[in-house]
Every structure is written in structure tokens, then in C-alpha cells.
Amino acid sequence: MAWIILILAGLFEIGWAIGLKYTDGFTRITPTVLTAGSMVISVVLLGLALRDLPVGSAYAVWTGIGTVGTALLGMYIFGEPATVVRLVCIGLIVAGIGGLKFLA
């Protein structure tokens, strides 16, 4: 169950990272409120997951999910470059997340 909570925390991290782009420097109220809400939910879920998971592994997986998801959505939504090197690096992060999940 802790891993499911951690994955949800990572998804909310993606939400707030992408949400930052839509806040327009915190000048738009609705995106700002939604982004702040995602931040709080993400950190609370991480805290809940840490009751049963090692902090080093959980934090690395949490940030990894956020990093990979944000990078992929940045390419998809905002048209950021999807170079081979960038995709290979994202693949390495995914491999690291998988290793931590199965070895933690």
C-alpha cells in the first residue's frame, strides 16, 4: 500500500510542476490554487508513504516520478525537444526508479 501512496504522491508532484507553468508567475488565481493544492497533497502522501518505506528510496522514487512525468509532459504539452539523449536519460531515471522499488 505504501508504494501505491508513493506513486500517487509522485503523480501529484507532476501536477504541481506542470501547474507552475500555468500560474504565470502566480498571477493567475485558479492555476495557483490548484498548484498549491497539488504541492500539499504530494508532500502529505509522501509523508504517509514514509511510515513504511525507507526515506532514501521513497524520496528518490518520488522525485524520479515527478522528474520523468514532468519531462514527458513538457515534451507533449509544451513542445519541448524530445532528443535521443534526453529520452535515454529519462530511461535511465526510470531504470533507477524500478531498481529502487524492487530492491528497497
PDB file of N, CA and C in Angstrom:
ATOM      1  N   MET A   1       0.818  -1.199   0.000  1.00  0.00           N
ATOM      2  CA  MET A   1       0.000   0.000   0.000  1.00  0.00           C
ATOM      3  C   MET A   1       0.860   1.260   0.000  1.00  0.00           C
ATOM      4  N   ALA A   2       1.986   1.203   0.707  1.00  0.00           N
ATOM      5  CA  ALA A   2       2.865   2.372   0.777  1.00  0.00           C
ATOM      6  C   ALA A   2       3.379   2.768  -0.603  1.00  0.00           C
ATOM      7  N   TRP A   3       3.650   1.769  -1.450  1.00  0.00           N
ATOM      8  CA  TRP A   3       4.134   2.086  -2.796  1.00  0.00           C
ATOM      9  C   TRP A   3       3.049   2.749  -3.628  1.00  0.00           C
ATOM     10  N   ILE A   4       1.809   2.334  -3.453  1.00  0.00           N
ATOM     11  CA  ILE A   4       0.702   2.964  -4.183  1.00  0.00           C
ATOM     12  C   ILE A   4       0.562   4.420  -3.751  1.00  0.00           C
ATOM     13  N   ILE A   5       0.646   4.653  -2.443  1.00  0.00           N
ATOM     14  CA  ILE A   5       0.577   6.025  -1.928  1.00  0.00           C
ATOM     15  C   ILE A   5       1.728   6.851  -2.486  1.00  0.00           C
ATOM     16  N   LEU A   6       2.913   6.248  -2.548  1.00  0.00           N
ATOM     17  CA  LEU A   6       4.080   6.954  -3.074  1.00  0.00           C
ATOM     18  C   LEU A   6       3.903   7.301  -4.550  1.00  0.00           C
ATOM     19  N   ILE A   7       3.357   6.386  -5.316  1.00  0.00           N
ATOM     20  CA  ILE A   7       3.113   6.655  -6.740  1.00  0.00           C
ATOM     21  C   ILE A   7       2.109   7.796  -6.895  1.00  0.00           C
ATOM     22  N   LEU A   8       1.057   7.785  -6.083  1.00  0.00           N
ATOM     23  CA  LEU A   8       0.094   8.895  -6.116  1.00  0.00           C
ATOM     24  C   LEU A   8       0.769  10.214  -5.757  1.00  0.00           C
ATOM     25  N   ALA A   9       1.650  10.177  -4.766  1.00  0.00           N
ATOM     26  CA  ALA A   9       2.390  11.388  -4.387  1.00  0.00           C
ATOM     27  C   ALA A   9       3.211  11.898  -5.562  1.00  0.00           C
ATOM     28  N   GLY A  10       3.847  10.977  -6.293  1.00  0.00           N
ATOM     29  CA  GLY A  10       4.627  11.353  -7.465  1.00  0.00           C
ATOM     30  C   GLY A  10       3.769  11.953  -8.563  1.00  0.00           C
ATOM     31  N   LEU A  11       2.566  11.428  -8.736  1.00  0.00           N
ATOM     32  CA  LEU A  11       1.659  11.981  -9.752  1.00  0.00           C
ATOM     33  C   LEU A  11       1.225  13.401  -9.388  1.00  0.00           C
ATOM     34  N   PHE A  12       0.989  13.630  -8.097  1.00  0.00           N
ATOM     35  CA  PHE A  12       0.648  14.993  -7.679  1.00  0.00           C
ATOM     36  C   PHE A  12       1.859  15.917  -7.818  1.00  0.00           C
ATOM     37  N   GLU A  13       3.055  15.362  -7.698  1.00  0.00           N
ATOM     38  CA  GLU A  13       4.242  16.184  -7.927  1.00  0.00           C
ATOM     39  C   GLU A  13       4.307  16.632  -9.387  1.00  0.00           C
ATOM     40  N   ILE A  14       3.982  15.728 -10.283  1.00  0.00           N
ATOM     41  CA  ILE A  14       3.914  16.104 -11.698  1.00  0.00           C
ATOM     42  C   ILE A  14       2.884  17.216 -11.873  1.00  0.00           C
ATOM     43  N   GLY A  15       1.743  17.059 -11.203  1.00  0.00           N
ATOM     44  CA  GLY A  15       0.686  18.059 -11.315  1.00  0.00           C
ATOM     45  C   GLY A  15       1.128  19.441 -10.901  1.00  0.00           C
ATOM     46  N   TRP A  16       1.862  19.526  -9.785  1.00  0.00           N
ATOM     47  CA  TRP A  16       2.259  20.870  -9.369  1.00  0.00           C
ATOM     48  C   TRP A  16       3.399  21.411 -10.216  1.00  0.00           C
ATOM     49  N   ALA A  17       4.270  20.540 -10.686  1.00  0.00           N
ATOM     50  CA  ALA A  17       5.369  21.025 -11.529  1.00  0.00           C
ATOM     51  C   ALA A  17       4.825  21.587 -12.845  1.00  0.00           C
ATOM     52  N   ILE A  18       3.905  20.862 -13.461  1.00  0.00           N
ATOM     53  CA  ILE A  18       3.287  21.354 -14.695  1.00  0.00           C
ATOM     54  C   ILE A  18       2.409  22.564 -14.385  1.00  0.00           C
ATOM     55  N   GLY A  19       1.723  22.514 -13.245  1.00  0.00           N
ATOM     56  CA  GLY A  19       0.860  23.617 -12.850  1.00  0.00           C
ATOM     57  C   GLY A  19       1.590  24.936 -12.713  1.00  0.00           C
ATOM     58  N   LEU A  20       2.853  24.885 -12.306  1.00  0.00           N
ATOM     59  CA  LEU A  20       3.632  26.117 -12.173  1.00  0.00           C
ATOM     60  C   LEU A  20       3.669  26.907 -13.476  1.00  0.00           C
ATOM     61  N   LYS A  21       3.730  26.195 -14.579  1.00  0.00           N
ATOM     62  CA  LYS A  21       3.764  26.855 -15.885  1.00  0.00           C
ATOM     63  C   LYS A  21       2.481  27.653 -16.129  1.00  0.00           C
ATOM     64  N   TYR A  22       1.370  27.113 -15.653  1.00  0.00           N
ATOM     65  CA  TYR A  22       0.071  27.747 -15.884  1.00  0.00           C
ATOM     66  C   TYR A  22      -0.241  28.877 -14.902  1.00  0.00           C
ATOM     67  N   THR A  23       0.527  28.988 -13.813  1.00  0.00           N
ATOM     68  CA  THR A  23       0.262  30.065 -12.852  1.00  0.00           C
ATOM     69  C   THR A  23       0.684  31.426 -13.386  1.00  0.00           C
ATOM     70  N   ASP A  24       1.527  31.426 -14.415  1.00  0.00           N
ATOM     71  CA  ASP A  24       2.042  32.668 -14.999  1.00  0.00           C
ATOM     72  C   ASP A  24       2.668  33.543 -13.915  1.00  0.00           C
ATOM     73  N   GLY A  25       3.598  32.921 -13.183  1.00  0.00           N
ATOM     74  CA  GLY A  25       4.287  33.647 -12.114  1.00  0.00           C
ATOM     75  C   GLY A  25       3.375  33.938 -10.934  1.00  0.00           C
ATOM     76  N   PHE A  26       2.439  33.053 -10.686  1.00  0.00           N
ATOM     77  CA  PHE A  26       1.465  33.171  -9.584  1.00  0.00           C
ATOM     78  C   PHE A  26       0.546  34.378  -9.749  1.00  0.00           C
ATOM     79  N   THR A  27       0.298  34.759 -11.000  1.00  0.00           N
ATOM     80  CA  THR A  27      -0.613  35.878 -11.257  1.00  0.00           C
ATOM     81  C   THR A  27      -2.016  35.400 -11.630  1.00  0.00           C
ATOM     82  N   ARG A  28      -2.178  34.110 -11.868  1.00  0.00           N
ATOM     83  CA  ARG A  28      -3.493  33.553 -12.206  1.00  0.00           C
ATOM     84  C   ARG A  28      -3.978  32.730 -11.017  1.00  0.00           C
ATOM     85  N   ILE A  29      -5.096  33.120 -10.442  1.00  0.00           N
ATOM     86  CA  ILE A  29      -5.539  32.574  -9.162  1.00  0.00           C
ATOM     87  C   ILE A  29      -5.905  31.089  -9.222  1.00  0.00           C
ATOM     88  N   THR A  30      -6.693  30.670 -10.199  1.00  0.00           N
ATOM     89  CA  THR A  30      -7.123  29.266 -10.232  1.00  0.00           C
ATOM     90  C   THR A  30      -5.947  28.313 -10.413  1.00  0.00           C
ATOM     91  N   PRO A  31      -5.075  28.524 -11.395  1.00  0.00           N
ATOM     92  CA  PRO A  31      -3.919  27.627 -11.500  1.00  0.00           C
ATOM     93  C   PRO A  31      -3.018  27.676 -10.259  1.00  0.00           C
ATOM     94  N   THR A  32      -2.908  28.839  -9.642  1.00  0.00           N
ATOM     95  CA  THR A  32      -2.073  28.965  -8.444  1.00  0.00           C
ATOM     96  C   THR A  32      -2.643  28.140  -7.301  1.00  0.00           C
ATOM     97  N   VAL A  33      -3.953  28.216  -7.093  1.00  0.00           N
ATOM     98  CA  VAL A  33      -4.598  27.454  -6.017  1.00  0.00           C
ATOM     99  C   VAL A  33      -4.485  25.951  -6.288  1.00  0.00           C
ATOM    100  N   LEU A  34      -4.726  25.540  -7.521  1.00  0.00           N
ATOM    101  CA  LEU A  34      -4.619  24.123  -7.870  1.00  0.00           C
ATOM    102  C   LEU A  34      -3.186  23.616  -7.722  1.00  0.00           C
ATOM    103  N   THR A  35      -2.231  24.428  -8.119  1.00  0.00           N
ATOM    104  CA  THR A  35      -0.820  24.055  -7.989  1.00  0.00           C
ATOM    105  C   THR A  35      -0.437  23.919  -6.521  1.00  0.00           C
ATOM    106  N   ALA A  36      -0.823  24.875  -5.708  1.00  0.00           N
ATOM    107  CA  ALA A  36      -0.515  24.817  -4.271  1.00  0.00           C
ATOM    108  C   ALA A  36      -1.184  23.602  -3.630  1.00  0.00           C
ATOM    109  N   GLY A  37      -2.407  23.312  -4.046  1.00  0.00           N
ATOM    110  CA  GLY A  37      -3.095  22.130  -3.533  1.00  0.00           C
ATOM    111  C   GLY A  37      -2.376  20.850  -3.899  1.00  0.00           C
ATOM    112  N   SER A  38      -1.892  20.774  -5.129  1.00  0.00           N
ATOM    113  CA  SER A  38      -1.131  19.597  -5.565  1.00  0.00           C
ATOM    114  C   SER A  38       0.163  19.451  -4.766  1.00  0.00           C
ATOM    115  N   MET A  39       0.798  20.579  -4.464  1.00  0.00           N
ATOM    116  CA  MET A  39       2.029  20.535  -3.657  1.00  0.00           C
ATOM    117  C   MET A  39       1.748  19.936  -2.285  1.00  0.00           C
ATOM    118  N   VAL A  40       0.708  20.428  -1.648  1.00  0.00           N
ATOM    119  CA  VAL A  40       0.374  19.950  -0.303  1.00  0.00           C
ATOM    120  C   VAL A  40       0.020  18.465  -0.331  1.00  0.00           C
ATOM    121  N   ILE A  41      -0.835  18.073  -1.265  1.00  0.00           N
ATOM    122  CA  ILE A  41      -1.239  16.670  -1.360  1.00  0.00           C
ATOM    123  C   ILE A  41      -0.030  15.784  -1.618  1.00  0.00           C
ATOM    124  N   SER A  42       0.851  16.206  -2.500  1.00  0.00           N
ATOM    125  CA  SER A  42       2.040  15.426  -2.832  1.00  0.00           C
ATOM    126  C   SER A  42       2.915  15.190  -1.603  1.00  0.00           C
ATOM    127  N   VAL A  43       3.161  16.237  -0.847  1.00  0.00           N
ATOM    128  CA  VAL A  43       4.034  16.114   0.320  1.00  0.00           C
ATOM    129  C   VAL A  43       3.357  15.296   1.425  1.00  0.00           C
ATOM    130  N   VAL A  44       2.054  15.486   1.615  1.00  0.00           N
ATOM    131  CA  VAL A  44       1.338  14.702   2.624  1.00  0.00           C
ATOM    132  C   VAL A  44       1.372  13.220   2.267  1.00  0.00           C
ATOM    133  N   LEU A  45       1.115  12.888   1.011  1.00  0.00           N
ATOM    134  CA  LEU A  45       1.169  11.486   0.596  1.00  0.00           C
ATOM    135  C   LEU A  45       2.571  10.908   0.741  1.00  0.00           C
ATOM    136  N   LEU A  46       3.581  11.695   0.419  1.00  0.00           N
ATOM    137  CA  LEU A  46       4.957  11.234   0.630  1.00  0.00           C
ATOM    138  C   LEU A  46       5.171  10.923   2.107  1.00  0.00           C
ATOM    139  N   GLY A  47       4.731  11.820   2.971  1.00  0.00           N
ATOM    140  CA  GLY A  47       4.871  11.592   4.410  1.00  0.00           C
ATOM    141  C   GLY A  47       4.180  10.320   4.868  1.00  0.00           C
ATOM    142  N   LEU A  48       3.005  10.050   4.322  1.00  0.00           N
ATOM    143  CA  LEU A  48       2.298   8.816   4.674  1.00  0.00           C
ATOM    144  C   LEU A  48       3.059   7.587   4.195  1.00  0.00           C
ATOM    145  N   ALA A  49       3.595   7.651   2.996  1.00  0.00           N
ATOM    146  CA  ALA A  49       4.353   6.520   2.457  1.00  0.00           C
ATOM    147  C   ALA A  49       5.618   6.260   3.274  1.00  0.00           C
ATOM    148  N   LEU A  50       6.192   7.323   3.824  1.00  0.00           N
ATOM    149  CA  LEU A  50       7.437   7.176   4.594  1.00  0.00           C
ATOM    150  C   LEU A  50       7.242   6.432   5.907  1.00  0.00           C
ATOM    151  N   ARG A  51       6.012   6.232   6.325  1.00  0.00           N
ATOM    152  CA  ARG A  51       5.784   5.432   7.527  1.00  0.00           C
ATOM    153  C   ARG A  51       6.271   4.002   7.331  1.00  0.00           C
ATOM    154  N   ASP A  52       6.236   3.518   6.070  1.00  0.00           N
ATOM    155  CA  ASP A  52       6.588   2.120   5.801  1.00  0.00           C
ATOM    156  C   ASP A  52       7.772   1.933   4.857  1.00  0.00           C
ATOM    157  N   LEU A  53       8.239   2.995   4.242  1.00  0.00           N
ATOM    158  CA  LEU A  53       9.319   2.869   3.262  1.00  0.00           C
ATOM    159  C   LEU A  53      10.573   3.587   3.745  1.00  0.00           C
ATOM    160  N   PRO A  54      11.746   3.126   3.310  1.00  0.00           N
ATOM    161  CA  PRO A  54      12.983   3.837   3.645  1.00  0.00           C
ATOM    162  C   PRO A  54      12.997   5.218   2.994  1.00  0.00           C
ATOM    163  N   VAL A  55      13.428   6.213   3.747  1.00  0.00           N
ATOM    164  CA  VAL A  55      13.357   7.590   3.265  1.00  0.00           C
ATOM    165  C   VAL A  55      14.168   7.807   1.987  1.00  0.00           C
ATOM    166  N   GLY A  56      15.349   7.241   1.899  1.00  0.00           N
ATOM    167  CA  GLY A  56      16.188   7.441   0.721  1.00  0.00           C
ATOM    168  C   GLY A  56      15.543   6.897  -0.541  1.00  0.00           C
ATOM    169  N   SER A  57      15.034   5.682  -0.458  1.00  0.00           N
ATOM    170  CA  SER A  57      14.382   5.073  -1.622  1.00  0.00           C
ATOM    171  C   SER A  57      13.097   5.797  -1.980  1.00  0.00           C
ATOM    172  N   ALA A  58      12.281   6.089  -0.970  1.00  0.00           N
ATOM    173  CA  ALA A  58      10.996   6.740  -1.228  1.00  0.00           C
ATOM    174  C   ALA A  58      11.188   8.124  -1.843  1.00  0.00           C
ATOM    175  N   TYR A  59      12.105   8.888  -1.301  1.00  0.00           N
ATOM    176  CA  TYR A  59      12.331  10.233  -1.830  1.00  0.00           C
ATOM    177  C   TYR A  59      12.855  10.176  -3.263  1.00  0.00           C
ATOM    178  N   ALA A  60      13.763   9.255  -3.521  1.00  0.00           N
ATOM    179  CA  ALA A  60      14.310   9.126  -4.873  1.00  0.00           C
ATOM    180  C   ALA A  60      13.229   8.712  -5.866  1.00  0.00           C
ATOM    181  N   VAL A  61      12.371   7.787  -5.478  1.00  0.00           N
ATOM    182  CA  VAL A  61      11.288   7.360  -6.364  1.00  0.00           C
ATOM    183  C   VAL A  61      10.296   8.501  -6.573  1.00  0.00           C
ATOM    184  N   TRP A  62       9.946   9.209  -5.497  1.00  0.00           N
ATOM    185  CA  TRP A  62       9.011  10.335  -5.578  1.00  0.00           C
ATOM    186  C   TRP A  62       9.513  11.404  -6.548  1.00  0.00           C
ATOM    187  N   THR A  63      10.766  11.811  -6.365  1.00  0.00           N
ATOM    188  CA  THR A  63      11.312  12.832  -7.257  1.00  0.00           C
ATOM    189  C   THR A  63      11.507  12.287  -8.671  1.00  0.00           C
ATOM    190  N   GLY A  64      11.831  11.007  -8.774  1.00  0.00           N
ATOM    191  CA  GLY A  64      12.001  10.402 -10.098  1.00  0.00           C
ATOM    192  C   GLY A  64      10.703  10.379 -10.880  1.00  0.00           C
ATOM    193  N   ILE A  65       9.607  10.004 -10.211  1.00  0.00           N
ATOM    194  CA  ILE A  65       8.299  10.019 -10.877  1.00  0.00           C
ATOM    195  C   ILE A  65       7.988  11.444 -11.332  1.00  0.00           C
ATOM    196  N   GLY A  66       8.224  12.399 -10.458  1.00  0.00           N
ATOM    197  CA  GLY A  66       7.977  13.796 -10.811  1.00  0.00           C
ATOM    198  C   GLY A  66       8.842  14.265 -11.959  1.00  0.00           C
ATOM    199  N   THR A  67      10.097  13.888 -11.932  1.00  0.00           N
ATOM    200  CA  THR A  67      11.028  14.303 -12.982  1.00  0.00           C
ATOM    201  C   THR A  67      10.651  13.712 -14.336  1.00  0.00           C
ATOM    202  N   VAL A  68      10.433  12.412 -14.357  1.00  0.00           N
ATOM    203  CA  VAL A  68      10.105  11.742 -15.617  1.00  0.00           C
ATOM    204  C   VAL A  68       8.761  12.242 -16.155  1.00  0.00           C
ATOM    205  N   GLY A  69       7.761  12.292 -15.294  1.00  0.00           N
ATOM    206  CA  GLY A  69       6.442  12.732 -15.732  1.00  0.00           C
ATOM    207  C   GLY A  69       6.440  14.163 -16.234  1.00  0.00           C
ATOM    208  N   THR A  70       7.141  15.028 -15.512  1.00  0.00           N
ATOM    209  CA  THR A  70       7.204  16.432 -15.916  1.00  0.00           C
ATOM    210  C   THR A  70       7.961  16.586 -17.235  1.00  0.00           C
ATOM    211  N   ALA A  71       9.048  15.863 -17.385  1.00  0.00           N
ATOM    212  CA  ALA A  71       9.816  15.946 -18.635  1.00  0.00           C
ATOM    213  C   ALA A  71       8.991  15.451 -19.822  1.00  0.00           C
ATOM    214  N   LEU A  72       8.298  14.323 -19.644  1.00  0.00           N
ATOM    215  CA  LEU A  72       7.495  13.778 -20.742  1.00  0.00           C
ATOM    216  C   LEU A  72       6.316  14.692 -21.076  1.00  0.00           C
ATOM    217  N   LEU A  73       5.637  15.200 -20.044  1.00  0.00           N
ATOM    218  CA  LEU A  73       4.526  16.118 -20.316  1.00  0.00           C
ATOM    219  C   LEU A  73       5.015  17.434 -20.904  1.00  0.00           C
ATOM    220  N   GLY A  74       6.198  17.860 -20.508  1.00  0.00           N
ATOM    221  CA  GLY A  74       6.774  19.068 -21.111  1.00  0.00           C
ATOM    222  C   GLY A  74       6.975  18.894 -22.605  1.00  0.00           C
ATOM    223  N   MET A  75       7.403  17.705 -23.000  1.00  0.00           N
ATOM    224  CA  MET A  75       7.564  17.426 -24.426  1.00  0.00           C
ATOM    225  C   MET A  75       6.210  17.373 -25.128  1.00  0.00           C
ATOM    226  N   TYR A  76       5.251  16.733 -24.486  1.00  0.00           N
ATOM    227  CA  TYR A  76       3.936  16.532 -25.100  1.00  0.00           C
ATOM    228  C   TYR A  76       3.099  17.817 -25.116  1.00  0.00           C
ATOM    229  N   ILE A  77       3.020  18.488 -23.986  1.00  0.00           N
ATOM    230  CA  ILE A  77       2.138  19.651 -23.879  1.00  0.00           C
ATOM    231  C   ILE A  77       2.781  20.922 -24.416  1.00  0.00           C
ATOM    232  N   PHE A  78       4.047  21.134 -24.058  1.00  0.00           N
ATOM    233  CA  PHE A  78       4.700  22.403 -24.371  1.00  0.00           C
ATOM    234  C   PHE A  78       5.647  22.334 -25.561  1.00  0.00           C
ATOM    235  N   GLY A  79       5.735  21.167 -26.188  1.00  0.00           N
ATOM    236  CA  GLY A  79       6.567  21.030 -27.371  1.00  0.00           C
ATOM    237  C   GLY A  79       8.061  21.116 -27.095  1.00  0.00           C
ATOM    238  N   GLU A  80       8.467  20.749 -25.879  1.00  0.00           N
ATOM    239  CA  GLU A  80       9.899  20.756 -25.565  1.00  0.00           C
ATOM    240  C   GLU A  80      10.592  19.670 -26.381  1.00  0.00           C
ATOM    241  N   PRO A  81      11.883  19.843 -26.675  1.00  0.00           N
ATOM    242  CA  PRO A  81      12.567  18.879 -27.547  1.00  0.00           C
ATOM    243  C   PRO A  81      12.624  17.469 -26.951  1.00  0.00           C
ATOM    244  N   ALA A  82      12.395  16.485 -27.809  1.00  0.00           N
ATOM    245  CA  ALA A  82      12.469  15.076 -27.417  1.00  0.00           C
ATOM    246  C   ALA A  82      13.659  14.439 -28.120  1.00  0.00           C
ATOM    247  N   THR A  83      14.852  14.892 -27.762  1.00  0.00           N
ATOM    248  CA  THR A  83      16.061  14.376 -28.397  1.00  0.00           C
ATOM    249  C   THR A  83      16.359  12.970 -27.895  1.00  0.00           C
ATOM    250  N   VAL A  84      17.160  12.254 -28.652  1.00  0.00           N
ATOM    251  CA  VAL A  84      17.541  10.897 -28.272  1.00  0.00           C
ATOM    252  C   VAL A  84      18.254  10.907 -26.923  1.00  0.00           C
ATOM    253  N   VAL A  85      19.159  11.822 -26.723  1.00  0.00           N
ATOM    254  CA  VAL A  85      19.907  11.891 -25.464  1.00  0.00           C
ATOM    255  C   VAL A  85      18.953  12.143 -24.299  1.00  0.00           C
ATOM    256  N   ARG A  86      18.019  13.041 -24.485  1.00  0.00           N
ATOM    257  CA  ARG A  86      17.055  13.344 -23.422  1.00  0.00           C
ATOM    258  C   ARG A  86      16.207  12.118 -23.099  1.00  0.00           C
ATOM    259  N   LEU A  87      15.734  11.412 -24.105  1.00  0.00           N
ATOM    260  CA  LEU A  87      14.920  10.219 -23.885  1.00  0.00           C
ATOM    261  C   LEU A  87      15.719   9.098 -23.231  1.00  0.00           C
ATOM    262  N   VAL A  88      16.978   8.944 -23.605  1.00  0.00           N
ATOM    263  CA  VAL A  88      17.835   7.938 -22.958  1.00  0.00           C
ATOM    264  C   VAL A  88      18.022   8.281 -21.482  1.00  0.00           C
ATOM    265  N   CYS A  89      18.244   9.545 -21.185  1.00  0.00           N
ATOM    266  CA  CYS A  89      18.403   9.961 -19.786  1.00  0.00           C
ATOM    267  C   CYS A  89      17.131   9.711 -18.985  1.00  0.00           C
ATOM    268  N   ILE A  90      15.983   9.972 -19.580  1.00  0.00           N
ATOM    269  CA  ILE A  90      14.714   9.679 -18.918  1.00  0.00           C
ATOM    270  C   ILE A  90      14.592   8.172 -18.676  1.00  0.00           C
ATOM    271  N   GLY A  91      15.009   7.383 -19.650  1.00  0.00           N
ATOM    272  CA  GLY A  91      15.005   5.923 -19.488  1.00  0.00           C
ATOM    273  C   GLY A  91      15.891   5.478 -18.339  1.00  0.00           C
ATOM    274  N   LEU A  92      17.022   6.124 -18.167  1.00  0.00           N
ATOM    275  CA  LEU A  92      17.913   5.789 -17.053  1.00  0.00           C
ATOM    276  C   LEU A  92      17.263   6.112 -15.705  1.00  0.00           C
ATOM    277  N   ILE A  93      16.532   7.212 -15.654  1.00  0.00           N
ATOM    278  CA  ILE A  93      15.816   7.557 -14.423  1.00  0.00           C
ATOM    279  C   ILE A  93      14.762   6.495 -14.124  1.00  0.00           C
ATOM    280  N   VAL A  94      14.020   6.082 -15.152  1.00  0.00           N
ATOM    281  CA  VAL A  94      13.006   5.040 -14.969  1.00  0.00           C
ATOM    282  C   VAL A  94      13.653   3.751 -14.478  1.00  0.00           C
ATOM    283  N   ALA A  95      14.795   3.393 -15.038  1.00  0.00           N
ATOM    284  CA  ALA A  95      15.505   2.192 -14.588  1.00  0.00           C
ATOM    285  C   ALA A  95      15.904   2.316 -13.122  1.00  0.00           C
ATOM    286  N   GLY A  96      16.360   3.486 -12.731  1.00  0.00           N
ATOM    287  CA  GLY A  96      16.727   3.710 -11.332  1.00  0.00           C
ATOM    288  C   GLY A  96      15.535   3.606 -10.404  1.00  0.00           C
ATOM    289  N   ILE A  97      14.393   4.150 -10.829  1.00  0.00           N
ATOM    290  CA  ILE A  97      13.172   4.056 -10.028  1.00  0.00           C
ATOM    291  C   ILE A  97      12.779   2.598  -9.854  1.00  0.00           C
ATOM    292  N   GLY A  98      12.820   1.851 -10.946  1.00  0.00           N
ATOM    293  CA  GLY A  98      12.480   0.428 -10.879  1.00  0.00           C
ATOM    294  C   GLY A  98      13.418  -0.336  -9.965  1.00  0.00           C
ATOM    295  N   GLY A  99      14.708  -0.025 -10.063  1.00  0.00           N
ATOM    296  CA  GLY A  99      15.676  -0.685  -9.191  1.00  0.00           C
ATOM    297  C   GLY A  99      15.416  -0.398  -7.730  1.00  0.00           C
ATOM    298  N   LEU A 100      15.122   0.840  -7.404  1.00  0.00           N
ATOM    299  CA  LEU A 100      14.847   1.198  -6.013  1.00  0.00           C
ATOM    300  C   LEU A 100      13.560   0.546  -5.506  1.00  0.00           C
ATOM    301  N   LYS A 101      12.564   0.460  -6.371  1.00  0.00           N
ATOM    302  CA  LYS A 101      11.290  -0.127  -5.953  1.00  0.00           C
ATOM    303  C   LYS A 101      11.455  -1.614  -5.660  1.00  0.00           C
ATOM    304  N   PHE A 102      12.167  -2.292  -6.514  1.00  0.00           N
ATOM    305  CA  PHE A 102      12.275  -3.754  -6.365  1.00  0.00           C
ATOM    306  C   PHE A 102      13.389  -4.181  -5.410  1.00  0.00           C
ATOM    307  N   LEU A 103      14.292  -3.290  -5.090  1.00  0.00           N
ATOM    308  CA  LEU A 103      15.392  -3.643  -4.192  1.00  0.00           C
ATOM    309  C   LEU A 103      15.253  -3.028  -2.806  1.00  0.00           C
ATOM    310  N   ALA A 104      14.268  -2.128  -2.630  1.00  0.00           N
ATOM    311  CA  ALA A 104      14.105  -1.446  -1.338  1.00  0.00           C
ATOM    312  C   ALA A 104      13.435  -2.345  -0.329  1.00  0.00           C
TER     313      ALA A 104
END
